[in-house]
Amino acid sequence: MAVDATQPYDDQNVFAKILRGEIPCRRVHEDEWTLAFHDINPQAPNHVLVIPKGAYVSWDDFSAKASDAEIAGFVRAVGQVARAAGLVAPGYRLLANTGPNSHQEVPHLHVHILAGRPLGPMLAAMP
């Protein structure tokens, strides 16, 4: 089910539960502002999710409400995860869905890092 990114934060979402340690994850990075872990349903050979530790529904919510330190820490963490995995030279894709038209499924901001094979065009051609 797609998420309405304008709704208030739901602290029972799966990523909030992961942050609280109620659900396990395969961590690849953690710092003051972020947690990164392997996606349980990978869409590419390398598929890592990076989430802020703060309660933000979407990129829009995060960019409007997060502190400068949170924003900088989150953006830096995405780069650190990609570099540590050796993804910079072959290339990788970043994807952040916001709202129902993008098919956002979890109401907690998350960036997908996808890599490990040629990913093709970003969107199918318009009809």
N, C-alpha and C. Protein backbone atom coordinates (compact mmCIF):
# COMPACT_ATOMS: atom_id res chain seq x y z
N MET A 1 0.84 -1.18 0.00
CA MET A 1 0.00 0.00 0.00
C MET A 1 0.89 1.24 0.00
N ALA A 2 0.60 2.18 -0.86
CA ALA A 2 1.39 3.40 -0.95
C ALA A 2 1.05 4.33 0.21
N VAL A 3 2.03 5.13 0.61
CA VAL A 3 1.93 6.02 1.76
C VAL A 3 1.58 7.43 1.31
N ASP A 4 0.69 8.08 2.06
CA ASP A 4 0.41 9.50 1.87
C ASP A 4 1.46 10.26 2.68
N ALA A 5 2.42 10.87 1.99
CA ALA A 5 3.56 11.51 2.65
C ALA A 5 3.19 12.78 3.41
N THR A 6 1.93 13.21 3.34
CA THR A 6 1.51 14.40 4.08
C THR A 6 0.94 14.03 5.45
N GLN A 7 0.80 12.73 5.74
CA GLN A 7 0.26 12.29 7.02
C GLN A 7 1.30 12.41 8.13
N PRO A 8 0.86 12.48 9.38
CA PRO A 8 1.82 12.53 10.49
C PRO A 8 2.65 11.25 10.57
N TYR A 9 3.79 11.35 11.21
CA TYR A 9 4.69 10.21 11.36
C TYR A 9 4.02 9.11 12.18
N ASP A 10 4.11 7.87 11.70
CA ASP A 10 3.57 6.69 12.38
C ASP A 10 4.73 5.95 13.04
N ASP A 11 4.83 6.02 14.36
CA ASP A 11 5.97 5.40 15.05
C ASP A 11 5.87 3.87 15.13
N GLN A 12 4.87 3.28 14.49
CA GLN A 12 4.76 1.83 14.42
C GLN A 12 5.20 1.29 13.06
N ASN A 13 5.76 2.15 12.21
CA ASN A 13 6.24 1.67 10.90
C ASN A 13 7.47 0.78 11.10
N VAL A 14 7.74 -0.05 10.09
CA VAL A 14 8.80 -1.06 10.21
C VAL A 14 10.17 -0.44 10.47
N PHE A 15 10.46 0.73 9.88
CA PHE A 15 11.78 1.33 10.10
C PHE A 15 11.90 1.90 11.51
N ALA A 16 10.82 2.44 12.06
CA ALA A 16 10.84 2.89 13.46
C ALA A 16 11.11 1.71 14.38
N LYS A 17 10.51 0.56 14.06
CA LYS A 17 10.74 -0.64 14.87
C LYS A 17 12.18 -1.13 14.74
N ILE A 18 12.76 -1.02 13.55
CA ILE A 18 14.18 -1.38 13.37
C ILE A 18 15.05 -0.45 14.19
N LEU A 19 14.77 0.85 14.14
CA LEU A 19 15.57 1.82 14.92
C LEU A 19 15.48 1.54 16.42
N ARG A 20 14.34 1.07 16.89
CA ARG A 20 14.18 0.76 18.32
C ARG A 20 14.73 -0.62 18.68
N GLY A 21 15.19 -1.38 17.69
CA GLY A 21 15.73 -2.71 17.95
C GLY A 21 14.67 -3.79 18.09
N GLU A 22 13.43 -3.50 17.72
CA GLU A 22 12.34 -4.47 17.82
C GLU A 22 12.36 -5.46 16.65
N ILE A 23 12.94 -5.04 15.54
CA ILE A 23 13.07 -5.89 14.35
C ILE A 23 14.55 -5.88 13.97
N PRO A 24 15.15 -7.05 13.71
CA PRO A 24 16.57 -7.07 13.34
C PRO A 24 16.79 -6.58 11.91
N CYS A 25 18.02 -6.19 11.64
CA CYS A 25 18.42 -5.82 10.29
C CYS A 25 19.90 -6.16 10.11
N ARG A 26 20.32 -6.22 8.86
CA ARG A 26 21.74 -6.46 8.55
C ARG A 26 22.39 -5.10 8.33
N ARG A 27 22.92 -4.51 9.39
CA ARG A 27 23.50 -3.17 9.38
C ARG A 27 24.77 -3.12 8.55
N VAL A 28 24.91 -2.02 7.82
CA VAL A 28 26.17 -1.76 7.13
C VAL A 28 26.81 -0.46 7.58
N HIS A 29 26.02 0.39 8.25
CA HIS A 29 26.54 1.69 8.71
C HIS A 29 25.59 2.22 9.78
N GLU A 30 26.17 2.84 10.79
CA GLU A 30 25.37 3.55 11.78
C GLU A 30 26.21 4.67 12.35
N ASP A 31 25.57 5.82 12.51
CA ASP A 31 26.22 6.96 13.16
C ASP A 31 25.15 7.72 13.95
N GLU A 32 25.49 8.91 14.39
CA GLU A 32 24.58 9.71 15.21
C GLU A 32 23.24 9.97 14.53
N TRP A 33 23.28 10.16 13.21
CA TRP A 33 22.09 10.61 12.49
C TRP A 33 21.41 9.54 11.64
N THR A 34 22.11 8.46 11.30
CA THR A 34 21.59 7.53 10.30
C THR A 34 21.82 6.07 10.66
N LEU A 35 21.05 5.23 9.98
CA LEU A 35 21.24 3.79 10.00
C LEU A 35 21.13 3.31 8.56
N ALA A 36 22.03 2.44 8.14
CA ALA A 36 21.97 1.85 6.81
C ALA A 36 22.00 0.34 6.96
N PHE A 37 21.17 -0.35 6.16
CA PHE A 37 21.06 -1.80 6.26
C PHE A 37 20.62 -2.38 4.92
N HIS A 38 20.86 -3.67 4.76
CA HIS A 38 20.48 -4.35 3.53
C HIS A 38 18.96 -4.47 3.44
N ASP A 39 18.42 -4.25 2.24
CA ASP A 39 16.99 -4.42 1.99
C ASP A 39 16.65 -5.91 2.07
N ILE A 40 15.52 -6.25 2.68
CA ILE A 40 15.14 -7.67 2.80
C ILE A 40 14.56 -8.22 1.49
N ASN A 41 14.25 -7.35 0.55
CA ASN A 41 13.73 -7.76 -0.75
C ASN A 41 14.53 -7.04 -1.83
N PRO A 42 15.81 -7.40 -2.00
CA PRO A 42 16.69 -6.63 -2.89
C PRO A 42 16.22 -6.61 -4.34
N GLN A 43 16.33 -5.43 -4.95
CA GLN A 43 15.96 -5.22 -6.34
C GLN A 43 17.18 -5.13 -7.25
N ALA A 44 18.36 -5.30 -6.68
CA ALA A 44 19.64 -5.29 -7.40
C ALA A 44 20.62 -6.09 -6.55
N PRO A 45 21.74 -6.53 -7.13
CA PRO A 45 22.72 -7.29 -6.34
C PRO A 45 23.17 -6.55 -5.07
N ASN A 46 23.31 -5.26 -5.14
CA ASN A 46 23.59 -4.43 -3.96
C ASN A 46 22.37 -3.54 -3.75
N HIS A 47 21.70 -3.69 -2.62
CA HIS A 47 20.52 -2.88 -2.32
C HIS A 47 20.53 -2.57 -0.82
N VAL A 48 20.91 -1.35 -0.52
CA VAL A 48 21.02 -0.89 0.86
C VAL A 48 20.04 0.26 1.07
N LEU A 49 19.41 0.30 2.23
CA LEU A 49 18.54 1.40 2.62
C LEU A 49 19.28 2.26 3.63
N VAL A 50 19.19 3.57 3.45
CA VAL A 50 19.75 4.51 4.41
C VAL A 50 18.59 5.33 4.96
N ILE A 51 18.45 5.36 6.29
CA ILE A 51 17.35 6.07 6.92
C ILE A 51 17.89 7.04 7.97
N PRO A 52 17.22 8.18 8.13
CA PRO A 52 17.59 9.05 9.24
C PRO A 52 17.04 8.47 10.53
N LYS A 53 17.67 8.75 11.64
CA LYS A 53 17.18 8.27 12.93
C LYS A 53 16.00 9.09 13.43
N GLY A 54 15.82 10.29 12.87
CA GLY A 54 14.68 11.13 13.24
C GLY A 54 13.39 10.65 12.61
N ALA A 55 12.28 11.12 13.14
CA ALA A 55 10.94 10.72 12.70
C ALA A 55 10.47 11.60 11.54
N TYR A 56 10.85 11.20 10.32
CA TYR A 56 10.48 11.95 9.12
C TYR A 56 9.77 11.02 8.15
N VAL A 57 8.64 11.43 7.63
CA VAL A 57 7.84 10.61 6.73
C VAL A 57 8.46 10.52 5.35
N SER A 58 9.01 11.64 4.86
CA SER A 58 9.44 11.70 3.46
C SER A 58 10.58 12.69 3.30
N TRP A 59 11.10 12.76 2.08
CA TRP A 59 12.15 13.74 1.78
C TRP A 59 11.62 15.14 2.02
N ASP A 60 10.36 15.41 1.64
CA ASP A 60 9.77 16.73 1.84
C ASP A 60 9.71 17.08 3.32
N ASP A 61 9.24 16.15 4.13
CA ASP A 61 9.15 16.33 5.58
C ASP A 61 10.54 16.59 6.17
N PHE A 62 11.50 15.76 5.77
CA PHE A 62 12.89 15.87 6.25
C PHE A 62 13.50 17.22 5.88
N SER A 63 13.38 17.62 4.62
CA SER A 63 14.02 18.86 4.17
C SER A 63 13.38 20.09 4.82
N ALA A 64 12.11 19.98 5.23
CA ALA A 64 11.44 21.10 5.87
C ALA A 64 11.70 21.17 7.38
N LYS A 65 11.91 20.02 8.03
CA LYS A 65 11.94 20.00 9.50
C LYS A 65 13.27 19.59 10.14
N ALA A 66 14.13 18.90 9.41
CA ALA A 66 15.38 18.41 10.02
C ALA A 66 16.35 19.56 10.25
N SER A 67 17.22 19.38 11.21
CA SER A 67 18.26 20.38 11.47
C SER A 67 19.33 20.29 10.37
N ASP A 68 20.11 21.34 10.26
CA ASP A 68 21.21 21.33 9.29
C ASP A 68 22.15 20.17 9.55
N ALA A 69 22.40 19.86 10.82
CA ALA A 69 23.30 18.75 11.17
C ALA A 69 22.71 17.41 10.73
N GLU A 70 21.40 17.23 10.92
CA GLU A 70 20.76 15.98 10.48
C GLU A 70 20.84 15.82 8.96
N ILE A 71 20.56 16.90 8.25
CA ILE A 71 20.59 16.85 6.78
C ILE A 71 22.00 16.54 6.30
N ALA A 72 22.97 17.25 6.83
CA ALA A 72 24.36 17.00 6.41
C ALA A 72 24.79 15.58 6.77
N GLY A 73 24.45 15.12 7.96
CA GLY A 73 24.82 13.77 8.39
C GLY A 73 24.19 12.70 7.51
N PHE A 74 22.94 12.89 7.13
CA PHE A 74 22.24 11.92 6.30
C PHE A 74 22.86 11.87 4.90
N VAL A 75 23.05 13.02 4.29
CA VAL A 75 23.63 13.07 2.94
C VAL A 75 25.04 12.48 2.95
N ARG A 76 25.83 12.82 3.96
CA ARG A 76 27.19 12.26 4.05
C ARG A 76 27.15 10.75 4.23
N ALA A 77 26.22 10.26 5.02
CA ALA A 77 26.12 8.81 5.26
C ALA A 77 25.82 8.06 3.97
N VAL A 78 24.96 8.60 3.12
CA VAL A 78 24.66 7.95 1.84
C VAL A 78 25.95 7.78 1.04
N GLY A 79 26.75 8.84 0.96
CA GLY A 79 28.02 8.77 0.24
C GLY A 79 28.99 7.81 0.89
N GLN A 80 29.06 7.81 2.21
CA GLN A 80 29.98 6.90 2.92
C GLN A 80 29.62 5.44 2.66
N VAL A 81 28.34 5.13 2.67
CA VAL A 81 27.89 3.75 2.44
C VAL A 81 28.26 3.32 1.02
N ALA A 82 28.01 4.19 0.04
CA ALA A 82 28.34 3.86 -1.35
C ALA A 82 29.85 3.68 -1.54
N ARG A 83 30.65 4.55 -0.95
CA ARG A 83 32.11 4.43 -1.06
C ARG A 83 32.61 3.17 -0.39
N ALA A 84 32.11 2.89 0.82
CA ALA A 84 32.56 1.70 1.56
C ALA A 84 32.23 0.40 0.83
N ALA A 85 31.15 0.41 0.06
CA ALA A 85 30.76 -0.78 -0.69
C ALA A 85 31.45 -0.87 -2.05
N GLY A 86 32.28 0.13 -2.39
CA GLY A 86 32.99 0.11 -3.67
C GLY A 86 32.10 0.38 -4.87
N LEU A 87 31.07 1.18 -4.67
CA LEU A 87 30.08 1.40 -5.72
C LEU A 87 30.33 2.63 -6.58
N VAL A 88 31.24 3.49 -6.19
CA VAL A 88 31.41 4.76 -6.90
C VAL A 88 31.88 4.55 -8.33
N ALA A 89 32.95 3.77 -8.54
CA ALA A 89 33.50 3.60 -9.89
C ALA A 89 32.53 2.90 -10.84
N PRO A 90 31.92 1.77 -10.45
CA PRO A 90 31.00 1.13 -11.39
C PRO A 90 29.67 1.88 -11.51
N GLY A 91 29.31 2.62 -10.49
CA GLY A 91 28.08 3.41 -10.51
C GLY A 91 26.97 2.81 -9.67
N TYR A 92 26.07 3.67 -9.24
CA TYR A 92 24.94 3.26 -8.42
C TYR A 92 23.80 4.22 -8.64
N ARG A 93 22.61 3.81 -8.20
CA ARG A 93 21.42 4.66 -8.30
C ARG A 93 20.92 4.94 -6.90
N LEU A 94 20.49 6.18 -6.68
CA LEU A 94 19.81 6.57 -5.44
C LEU A 94 18.34 6.75 -5.77
N LEU A 95 17.48 6.26 -4.89
CA LEU A 95 16.05 6.39 -5.11
C LEU A 95 15.38 6.70 -3.78
N ALA A 96 14.58 7.75 -3.77
CA ALA A 96 13.79 8.08 -2.58
C ALA A 96 12.36 8.37 -3.06
N ASN A 97 11.43 7.55 -2.65
CA ASN A 97 10.03 7.72 -3.04
C ASN A 97 9.32 8.62 -2.03
N THR A 98 8.41 9.46 -2.53
CA THR A 98 7.61 10.32 -1.67
C THR A 98 6.16 10.27 -2.13
N GLY A 99 5.31 9.72 -1.29
CA GLY A 99 3.88 9.72 -1.56
C GLY A 99 3.37 8.60 -2.43
N PRO A 100 2.05 8.57 -2.60
CA PRO A 100 1.40 7.45 -3.30
C PRO A 100 1.77 7.33 -4.78
N ASN A 101 1.96 8.43 -5.49
CA ASN A 101 2.30 8.32 -6.91
C ASN A 101 3.68 7.70 -7.14
N SER A 102 4.55 7.78 -6.15
CA SER A 102 5.88 7.19 -6.29
C SER A 102 5.93 5.76 -5.74
N HIS A 103 4.86 5.33 -5.10
CA HIS A 103 4.75 4.01 -4.49
C HIS A 103 5.61 3.89 -3.22
N GLN A 104 5.66 4.98 -2.45
CA GLN A 104 6.33 4.91 -1.15
C GLN A 104 5.56 3.92 -0.28
N GLU A 105 6.24 2.92 0.26
CA GLU A 105 5.58 1.87 1.03
C GLU A 105 5.75 2.01 2.54
N VAL A 106 6.85 2.60 2.98
CA VAL A 106 7.11 2.75 4.42
C VAL A 106 7.10 4.24 4.74
N PRO A 107 6.29 4.67 5.72
CA PRO A 107 6.19 6.09 6.04
C PRO A 107 7.34 6.60 6.91
N HIS A 108 8.56 6.31 6.46
CA HIS A 108 9.77 6.83 7.10
C HIS A 108 10.74 7.10 5.96
N LEU A 109 11.30 8.30 5.89
CA LEU A 109 12.22 8.63 4.81
C LEU A 109 13.29 7.55 4.69
N HIS A 110 13.53 7.12 3.47
CA HIS A 110 14.61 6.18 3.22
C HIS A 110 15.11 6.36 1.79
N VAL A 111 16.41 6.20 1.65
CA VAL A 111 17.04 6.26 0.33
C VAL A 111 17.53 4.85 0.01
N HIS A 112 17.17 4.39 -1.17
CA HIS A 112 17.66 3.11 -1.67
C HIS A 112 18.97 3.36 -2.41
N ILE A 113 20.00 2.60 -2.11
CA ILE A 113 21.23 2.58 -2.91
C ILE A 113 21.19 1.27 -3.67
N LEU A 114 21.10 1.36 -5.00
CA LEU A 114 20.99 0.19 -5.87
C LEU A 114 22.20 0.12 -6.78
N ALA A 115 22.80 -1.06 -6.88
CA ALA A 115 24.01 -1.21 -7.70
C ALA A 115 24.30 -2.68 -7.93
N GLY A 116 25.38 -2.94 -8.67
CA GLY A 116 25.85 -4.30 -8.86
C GLY A 116 25.57 -4.88 -10.23
N ARG A 117 24.85 -4.14 -11.05
CA ARG A 117 24.58 -4.55 -12.44
C ARG A 117 24.08 -3.31 -13.18
N PRO A 118 24.10 -3.32 -14.51
CA PRO A 118 23.49 -2.22 -15.25
C PRO A 118 21.99 -2.15 -14.91
N LEU A 119 21.52 -0.98 -14.52
CA LEU A 119 20.15 -0.84 -14.05
C LEU A 119 19.17 -0.39 -15.11
N GLY A 120 19.66 -0.01 -16.27
CA GLY A 120 18.77 0.40 -17.34
C GLY A 120 18.20 1.78 -17.12
N PRO A 121 17.25 2.16 -17.97
CA PRO A 121 16.67 3.50 -17.85
C PRO A 121 15.90 3.63 -16.53
N MET A 122 15.82 4.85 -16.07
CA MET A 122 15.20 5.07 -14.77
C MET A 122 13.70 4.80 -14.81
N LEU A 123 13.02 5.22 -15.85
CA LEU A 123 11.58 5.02 -15.97
C LEU A 123 11.27 4.47 -17.35
N ALA A 124 10.21 3.72 -17.44
CA ALA A 124 9.78 3.25 -18.77
C ALA A 124 9.32 4.45 -19.59
N ALA A 125 9.43 4.33 -20.89
CA ALA A 125 9.01 5.41 -21.78
C ALA A 125 7.53 5.72 -21.58
N MET A 126 7.17 6.97 -21.74
CA MET A 126 5.77 7.38 -21.63
C MET A 126 4.99 6.80 -22.81
N PRO A 127 3.75 6.37 -22.57
CA PRO A 127 2.94 5.81 -23.67
C PRO A 127 2.56 6.87 -24.69
